[in-house]
Amino acid sequence: MNRVFIPVLLFSLLILCSSWGFYAHQRINYLAVFTLHNGLNTFYKANINYLSEHAVDADKRRYADTAEAPRHYLDVECYETNIDSIPRKWNDALKKYGAKKLQTNGTLPWQIQKSYFKLVRAFTEQDSLKILIYSAYLGHYISDAHVPLHTTQNHNGQLTNQHGIHAFWESRLPELFASRYNFQVGKAIYMEDPLKAAWKMVSNSHRLLDSVLAMEMKVSLSTPGRKKYSFSKRQQLLIRQYSLLYSTAYHLEMNQMVERQMRAAIHATGSFWYSAWIDAGQPTLKNMPKKNAASSLVKELEAAPLPKDQGLIIGREPN
């Protein structure tokens, strides 16, 4: 194998395995802090760097935890032809499909609900470390729910000869154009029904899927192959990526879709954090001790670090 190609492949796998890309996930969690209200925002602002830096812990955990991968997606067509036919409650879905099918085809909306309840409990216990850990994880799953390609078996365009579209949509485009996005989304709102809200996010994203695929195919057909890609150095590695010309054409064709989804993810993340605090009784967050810092529970919650050999994600091929 070509010596240049080896680092290109390894780095590409890391990027492809990172839903929304490291940059976008971290940006979403960071900006969600500014949607919060008095009583909550001081604590979150004081810990904004943690929430941003750990926004990708859930992705890192997929390298070591066999149960983690399905929490990031919902392959709608593997369940039903229409997303509205999928039972909304976990027990109803479990009864209809069985545990194996759920673990194979994704559990994203139910994972959002589960993480939400864990955050509520952390607020109730006034455990600052758990609050930060669960907030970071919850923000990650909510962001994933805003990516249309997280709602389909064709998650990387592999079924439509559009290989690489996943990282293109959620990593390359935000990195190139996020500086032009308007991220003023207003204040967080209270979610009456977190599970219903999670399903609404996933359903809205799934309805964008056909456009995501069709628009990329349209741009691809009108772009000569030699102009689709370019090479650049990244962290001392030479990588092949979609060219600025091609990325711009796709960006314009989608008419700010990625921006709208990032904005929605920011507002939803802040709203879920805020709602969990409300449901916990609005506890005071001043001078809270970091409990259980050395416990096995917290160690289990913290995402496993990336192995030195950049091993592959467990449970599903790279996105």
Protein backbone atom coordinates (compact mmCIF):
# COMPACT_ATOMS: atom_id res chain seq x y z
CA MET A 1 0.00 0.00 0.00
CA ASN A 2 1.24 3.48 -0.85
CA ARG A 3 2.91 5.15 2.16
CA VAL A 4 1.00 8.37 1.61
CA PHE A 5 -2.31 6.52 1.39
CA ILE A 6 -1.97 4.87 4.83
CA PRO A 7 -2.13 8.08 6.90
CA VAL A 8 -4.73 9.46 4.49
CA LEU A 9 -6.92 6.42 5.15
CA LEU A 10 -6.47 6.48 8.92
CA PHE A 11 -7.27 10.15 9.25
CA SER A 12 -10.20 9.87 6.85
CA LEU A 13 -11.67 7.06 8.96
CA LEU A 14 -11.42 9.20 12.07
CA ILE A 15 -13.20 12.09 10.37
CA LEU A 16 -15.84 9.84 8.81
CA CYS A 17 -16.60 8.24 12.16
CA SER A 18 -17.24 11.59 13.79
CA SER A 19 -20.91 12.48 13.47
CA TRP A 20 -21.36 16.22 12.70
CA GLY A 21 -17.57 16.32 12.76
CA PHE A 22 -15.57 17.40 15.79
CA TYR A 23 -15.89 21.07 14.91
CA ALA A 24 -19.69 21.17 14.55
CA HIS A 25 -20.43 19.08 17.65
CA GLN A 26 -18.19 21.27 19.76
CA ARG A 27 -19.65 24.44 18.28
CA ILE A 28 -23.22 23.31 18.93
CA ASN A 29 -22.60 22.53 22.60
CA TYR A 30 -20.66 25.77 23.05
CA LEU A 31 -23.36 27.98 21.56
CA ALA A 32 -26.18 26.14 23.34
CA VAL A 33 -24.86 27.56 26.62
CA PHE A 34 -25.87 31.06 25.51
CA THR A 35 -29.53 30.04 25.14
CA LEU A 36 -29.86 29.37 28.87
CA HIS A 37 -31.76 31.44 31.41
CA ASN A 38 -30.73 32.94 34.75
CA GLY A 39 -30.20 30.35 37.43
CA LEU A 40 -28.65 27.95 34.95
CA ASN A 41 -26.46 29.97 32.62
CA THR A 42 -23.82 30.94 35.19
CA PHE A 43 -22.95 27.30 35.93
CA TYR A 44 -22.90 26.34 32.24
CA LYS A 45 -20.83 29.37 31.22
CA ALA A 46 -18.29 28.54 33.91
CA ASN A 47 -17.99 25.06 32.38
CA ILE A 48 -18.38 25.97 28.72
CA ASN A 49 -14.96 24.65 27.76
CA TYR A 50 -15.74 21.23 29.24
CA LEU A 51 -19.08 21.05 27.43
CA SER A 52 -17.43 21.98 24.14
CA GLU A 53 -14.35 19.77 24.45
CA HIS A 54 -16.38 16.76 25.59
CA ALA A 55 -19.08 17.16 22.94
CA VAL A 56 -17.45 14.31 21.00
CA ASP A 57 -17.05 11.89 23.92
CA ALA A 58 -20.00 9.83 22.71
CA ASP A 59 -18.28 9.32 19.34
CA LYS A 60 -15.01 8.34 21.00
CA ARG A 61 -16.87 5.86 23.15
CA ARG A 62 -17.96 4.02 20.01
CA TYR A 63 -14.44 2.68 19.66
CA ALA A 64 -14.73 0.62 22.84
CA ASP A 65 -18.39 0.12 23.79
CA THR A 66 -20.44 -2.36 21.76
CA ALA A 67 -23.69 -0.76 22.95
CA GLU A 68 -22.82 2.78 21.90
CA ALA A 69 -23.09 2.76 18.11
CA PRO A 70 -26.90 2.32 17.73
CA ARG A 71 -27.52 5.26 20.07
CA HIS A 72 -26.41 7.64 17.31
CA TYR A 73 -28.85 6.77 14.53
CA LEU A 74 -32.24 5.39 13.50
CA ASP A 75 -32.38 3.48 10.21
CA VAL A 76 -36.00 4.33 9.52
CA GLU A 77 -36.51 2.14 6.44
CA CYS A 78 -35.28 -0.91 8.37
CA TYR A 79 -38.26 -0.47 10.68
CA GLU A 80 -41.09 0.90 8.52
CA THR A 81 -41.68 2.53 5.14
CA ASN A 82 -43.08 5.52 7.02
CA ILE A 83 -41.39 6.93 10.11
CA ASP A 84 -44.77 7.77 11.65
CA SER A 85 -45.52 4.04 11.89
CA ILE A 86 -42.66 3.40 14.33
CA PRO A 87 -43.95 3.14 17.94
CA ARG A 88 -42.85 6.18 19.89
CA LYS A 89 -42.49 4.54 23.30
CA TRP A 90 -39.56 2.20 23.94
CA ASN A 91 -41.60 -0.65 25.43
CA ASP A 92 -43.99 -0.60 22.46
CA ALA A 93 -41.08 -0.67 20.01
CA LEU A 94 -39.37 -3.44 21.97
CA LYS A 95 -42.54 -5.51 21.86
CA LYS A 96 -42.98 -4.94 18.12
CA TYR A 97 -39.38 -5.36 16.89
CA GLY A 98 -37.40 -7.13 19.60
CA ALA A 99 -34.14 -6.08 21.21
CA LYS A 100 -31.87 -7.41 18.45
CA LYS A 101 -33.57 -5.41 15.70
CA LEU A 102 -33.48 -2.25 17.81
CA GLN A 103 -29.79 -2.63 18.61
CA THR A 104 -29.03 -3.26 14.94
CA ASN A 105 -31.08 -0.48 13.38
CA GLY A 106 -30.69 2.30 15.90
CA THR A 107 -32.23 3.77 19.04
CA LEU A 108 -31.47 7.49 18.75
CA PRO A 109 -34.78 9.07 19.91
CA TRP A 110 -35.06 6.72 22.87
CA GLN A 111 -31.44 7.39 23.80
CA ILE A 112 -32.17 11.11 23.90
CA GLN A 113 -35.01 10.44 26.35
CA LYS A 114 -32.81 8.15 28.45
CA SER A 115 -29.98 10.70 28.60
CA TYR A 116 -32.49 13.40 29.48
CA PHE A 117 -33.75 11.50 32.51
CA LYS A 118 -30.17 10.88 33.62
CA LEU A 119 -29.53 14.62 33.45
CA VAL A 120 -32.68 15.32 35.48
CA ARG A 121 -31.43 12.90 38.13
CA ALA A 122 -28.01 14.55 38.16
CA PHE A 123 -29.63 17.94 38.74
CA THR A 124 -31.80 16.47 41.51
CA GLU A 125 -28.70 15.04 43.21
CA GLN A 126 -26.85 18.33 42.60
CA ASP A 127 -23.88 16.36 41.30
CA SER A 128 -21.93 18.84 39.20
CA LEU A 129 -19.73 16.26 37.50
CA LYS A 130 -22.65 14.12 36.37
CA ILE A 131 -24.48 17.23 35.19
CA LEU A 132 -21.58 18.11 32.91
CA ILE A 133 -21.08 14.56 31.64
CA TYR A 134 -24.75 13.98 30.85
CA SER A 135 -25.14 17.46 29.36
CA ALA A 136 -22.27 16.80 26.97
CA TYR A 137 -23.65 13.40 25.97
CA LEU A 138 -27.22 14.68 25.61
CA GLY A 139 -26.04 17.54 23.41
CA HIS A 140 -24.23 15.05 21.20
CA TYR A 141 -27.26 12.83 20.66
CA ILE A 142 -29.52 15.82 20.01
CA SER A 143 -27.08 17.10 17.40
CA ASP A 144 -27.03 13.67 15.74
CA ALA A 145 -30.82 13.80 15.53
CA HIS A 146 -30.51 16.86 13.30
CA VAL A 147 -28.41 15.08 10.67
CA PRO A 148 -30.62 13.55 7.94
CA LEU A 149 -28.02 10.86 7.19
CA HIS A 150 -28.42 9.58 10.77
CA THR A 151 -31.94 8.48 9.89
CA THR A 152 -31.19 6.02 7.11
CA GLN A 153 -29.50 2.74 6.30
CA ASN A 154 -27.91 4.64 3.40
CA HIS A 155 -25.96 6.64 5.96
CA ASN A 156 -22.92 7.23 3.77
CA GLY A 157 -24.54 7.13 0.36
CA GLN A 158 -23.22 3.62 -0.12
CA LEU A 159 -26.54 2.42 -1.58
CA THR A 160 -26.76 5.26 -4.11
CA ASN A 161 -23.12 5.46 -5.21
CA GLN A 162 -22.57 8.63 -3.16
CA HIS A 163 -19.83 7.33 -0.89
CA GLY A 164 -18.48 9.97 1.45
CA ILE A 165 -21.59 12.17 1.55
CA HIS A 166 -21.91 11.74 5.33
CA ALA A 167 -18.69 13.52 6.25
CA PHE A 168 -19.21 15.91 3.33
CA TRP A 169 -22.56 17.13 4.68
CA GLU A 170 -21.84 17.23 8.39
CA SER A 171 -18.10 17.93 8.57
CA ARG A 172 -16.71 19.53 5.42
CA LEU A 173 -19.54 22.02 4.87
CA PRO A 174 -19.70 23.37 8.46
CA GLU A 175 -15.93 23.70 8.59
CA LEU A 176 -15.95 25.73 5.39
CA PHE A 177 -19.04 27.86 5.85
CA ALA A 178 -19.99 28.06 9.55
CA SER A 179 -18.27 31.44 9.86
CA ARG A 180 -21.06 32.76 7.61
CA TYR A 181 -23.90 31.14 9.56
CA ASN A 182 -26.26 33.09 11.80
CA PHE A 183 -26.29 31.32 15.16
CA GLN A 184 -28.60 33.69 17.04
CA VAL A 185 -31.36 31.27 18.01
CA GLY A 186 -33.03 32.90 21.02
CA LYS A 187 -33.58 31.57 24.51
CA ALA A 188 -34.17 27.95 25.45
CA ILE A 189 -37.76 26.83 25.94
CA TYR A 190 -39.31 24.24 28.24
CA MET A 191 -39.98 20.86 26.63
CA GLU A 192 -43.27 19.44 27.91
CA ASP A 193 -42.56 16.02 26.41
CA PRO A 194 -38.87 15.21 25.77
CA LEU A 195 -39.61 11.97 23.91
CA LYS A 196 -42.09 13.70 21.61
CA ALA A 197 -39.54 16.44 20.98
CA ALA A 198 -36.85 13.84 20.18
CA TRP A 199 -39.10 12.14 17.66
CA LYS A 200 -39.98 15.48 16.07
CA MET A 201 -36.28 16.21 15.53
CA VAL A 202 -35.59 12.81 13.98
CA SER A 203 -38.72 12.98 11.81
CA ASN A 204 -37.89 16.45 10.52
CA SER A 205 -34.36 15.34 9.68
CA HIS A 206 -35.61 12.24 7.89
CA ARG A 207 -37.88 14.35 5.69
CA LEU A 208 -34.79 16.21 4.46
CA LEU A 209 -33.00 13.01 3.46
CA ASP A 210 -34.23 12.82 -0.14
CA SER A 211 -33.12 16.41 -0.74
CA VAL A 212 -29.69 15.77 0.80
CA LEU A 213 -29.08 12.90 -1.61
CA ALA A 214 -30.76 14.36 -4.70
CA MET A 215 -29.00 17.70 -4.44
CA GLU A 216 -25.56 16.14 -4.08
CA MET A 217 -26.24 13.91 -7.07
CA LYS A 218 -27.34 16.92 -9.10
CA VAL A 219 -24.16 18.84 -8.26
CA SER A 220 -22.03 15.77 -8.92
CA LEU A 221 -23.48 15.26 -12.40
CA SER A 222 -22.72 18.86 -13.32
CA THR A 223 -19.16 18.88 -11.95
CA PRO A 224 -16.22 17.34 -13.84
CA GLY A 225 -14.53 14.63 -11.77
CA ARG A 226 -11.19 16.40 -11.69
CA LYS A 227 -12.82 19.39 -9.97
CA LYS A 228 -14.59 17.45 -7.21
CA TYR A 229 -11.56 16.83 -5.01
CA SER A 230 -8.49 18.58 -3.72
CA PHE A 231 -5.61 17.64 -1.41
CA SER A 232 -4.44 19.44 1.70
CA LYS A 233 -2.33 18.84 4.77
CA ARG A 234 -4.14 18.39 8.05
CA GLN A 235 -2.30 17.65 11.28
CA GLN A 236 0.71 16.75 9.14
CA LEU A 237 -1.33 14.30 7.07
CA LEU A 238 -2.14 14.59 3.40
CA ILE A 239 -5.86 14.07 2.88
CA ARG A 240 -8.17 14.06 -0.10
CA GLN A 241 -11.27 16.13 0.43
CA TYR A 242 -14.11 17.68 -1.54
CA SER A 243 -12.83 20.80 -3.27
CA LEU A 244 -13.92 24.29 -2.33
CA LEU A 245 -15.59 24.61 -5.74
CA TYR A 246 -17.64 21.45 -5.29
CA SER A 247 -18.42 22.18 -1.64
CA THR A 248 -19.63 25.66 -2.50
CA ALA A 249 -21.89 24.32 -5.24
CA TYR A 250 -23.48 21.82 -2.83
CA HIS A 251 -23.75 24.46 -0.10
CA LEU A 252 -25.62 26.82 -2.43
CA GLU A 253 -27.83 24.05 -3.82
CA MET A 254 -29.07 23.18 -0.32
CA ASN A 255 -29.95 26.82 0.42
CA GLN A 256 -28.60 26.93 4.00
CA MET A 257 -29.91 23.53 5.08
CA VAL A 258 -26.84 22.73 7.17
CA GLU A 259 -27.04 26.13 8.84
CA ARG A 260 -30.72 25.60 9.69
CA GLN A 261 -30.02 22.17 11.16
CA MET A 262 -27.13 23.46 13.24
CA ARG A 263 -29.29 26.32 14.52
CA ALA A 264 -32.06 23.89 15.43
CA ALA A 265 -29.57 21.62 17.20
CA ILE A 266 -28.20 24.53 19.24
CA HIS A 267 -31.65 25.63 20.38
CA ALA A 268 -32.82 22.08 21.10
CA THR A 269 -29.70 21.29 23.13
CA GLY A 270 -30.14 24.36 25.31
CA SER A 271 -33.86 23.64 25.66
CA PHE A 272 -33.27 20.07 26.82
CA TRP A 273 -30.67 21.21 29.36
CA TYR A 274 -33.05 23.91 30.61
CA SER A 275 -36.02 21.52 30.78
CA ALA A 276 -34.05 18.94 32.74
CA TRP A 277 -33.17 21.62 35.29
CA ILE A 278 -36.83 22.68 35.51
CA ASP A 279 -38.01 19.09 35.95
CA ALA A 280 -35.45 18.63 38.73
CA GLY A 281 -37.03 21.49 40.65
CA GLN A 282 -34.62 24.26 39.58
CA PRO A 283 -31.90 23.41 42.13
CA THR A 284 -29.30 26.01 42.97
CA LEU A 285 -26.07 25.37 41.11
CA LYS A 286 -23.75 27.54 43.18
CA ASN A 287 -20.73 26.04 44.92
CA MET A 288 -21.67 22.46 44.10
CA PRO A 289 -19.04 19.83 44.95
CA LYS A 290 -17.86 17.40 42.30
CA LYS A 291 -19.24 14.17 43.71
CA ASN A 292 -18.21 10.63 42.82
CA ALA A 293 -15.12 11.90 40.99
CA ALA A 294 -13.24 8.65 41.55
CA SER A 295 -16.17 6.26 41.41
CA SER A 296 -16.46 3.46 38.92
CA LEU A 297 -19.71 4.99 37.72
CA VAL A 298 -18.07 8.19 36.55
CA LYS A 299 -15.20 6.27 34.99
CA GLU A 300 -17.76 4.26 33.05
CA LEU A 301 -19.55 7.42 31.96
CA GLU A 302 -16.43 9.09 30.63
CA ALA A 303 -15.80 8.21 26.99
CA ALA A 304 -12.99 5.81 26.26
CA PRO A 305 -9.96 7.50 24.66
CA LEU A 306 -9.14 6.77 21.07
CA PRO A 307 -6.76 3.81 20.76
CA LYS A 308 -3.34 4.57 19.38
CA ASP A 309 -3.99 2.48 16.27
CA GLN A 310 -7.17 4.45 15.47
CA GLY A 311 -9.25 1.26 15.65
CA LEU A 312 -12.59 1.08 13.92
CA ILE A 313 -15.91 1.84 15.52
CA ILE A 314 -17.70 -1.15 17.01
CA GLY A 315 -21.20 -2.01 15.85
CA ARG A 316 -21.46 -0.41 12.42
CA GLU A 317 -19.18 0.45 9.54
CA PRO A 318 -17.78 3.99 9.53
CA ASN A 319 -20.28 6.68 8.50
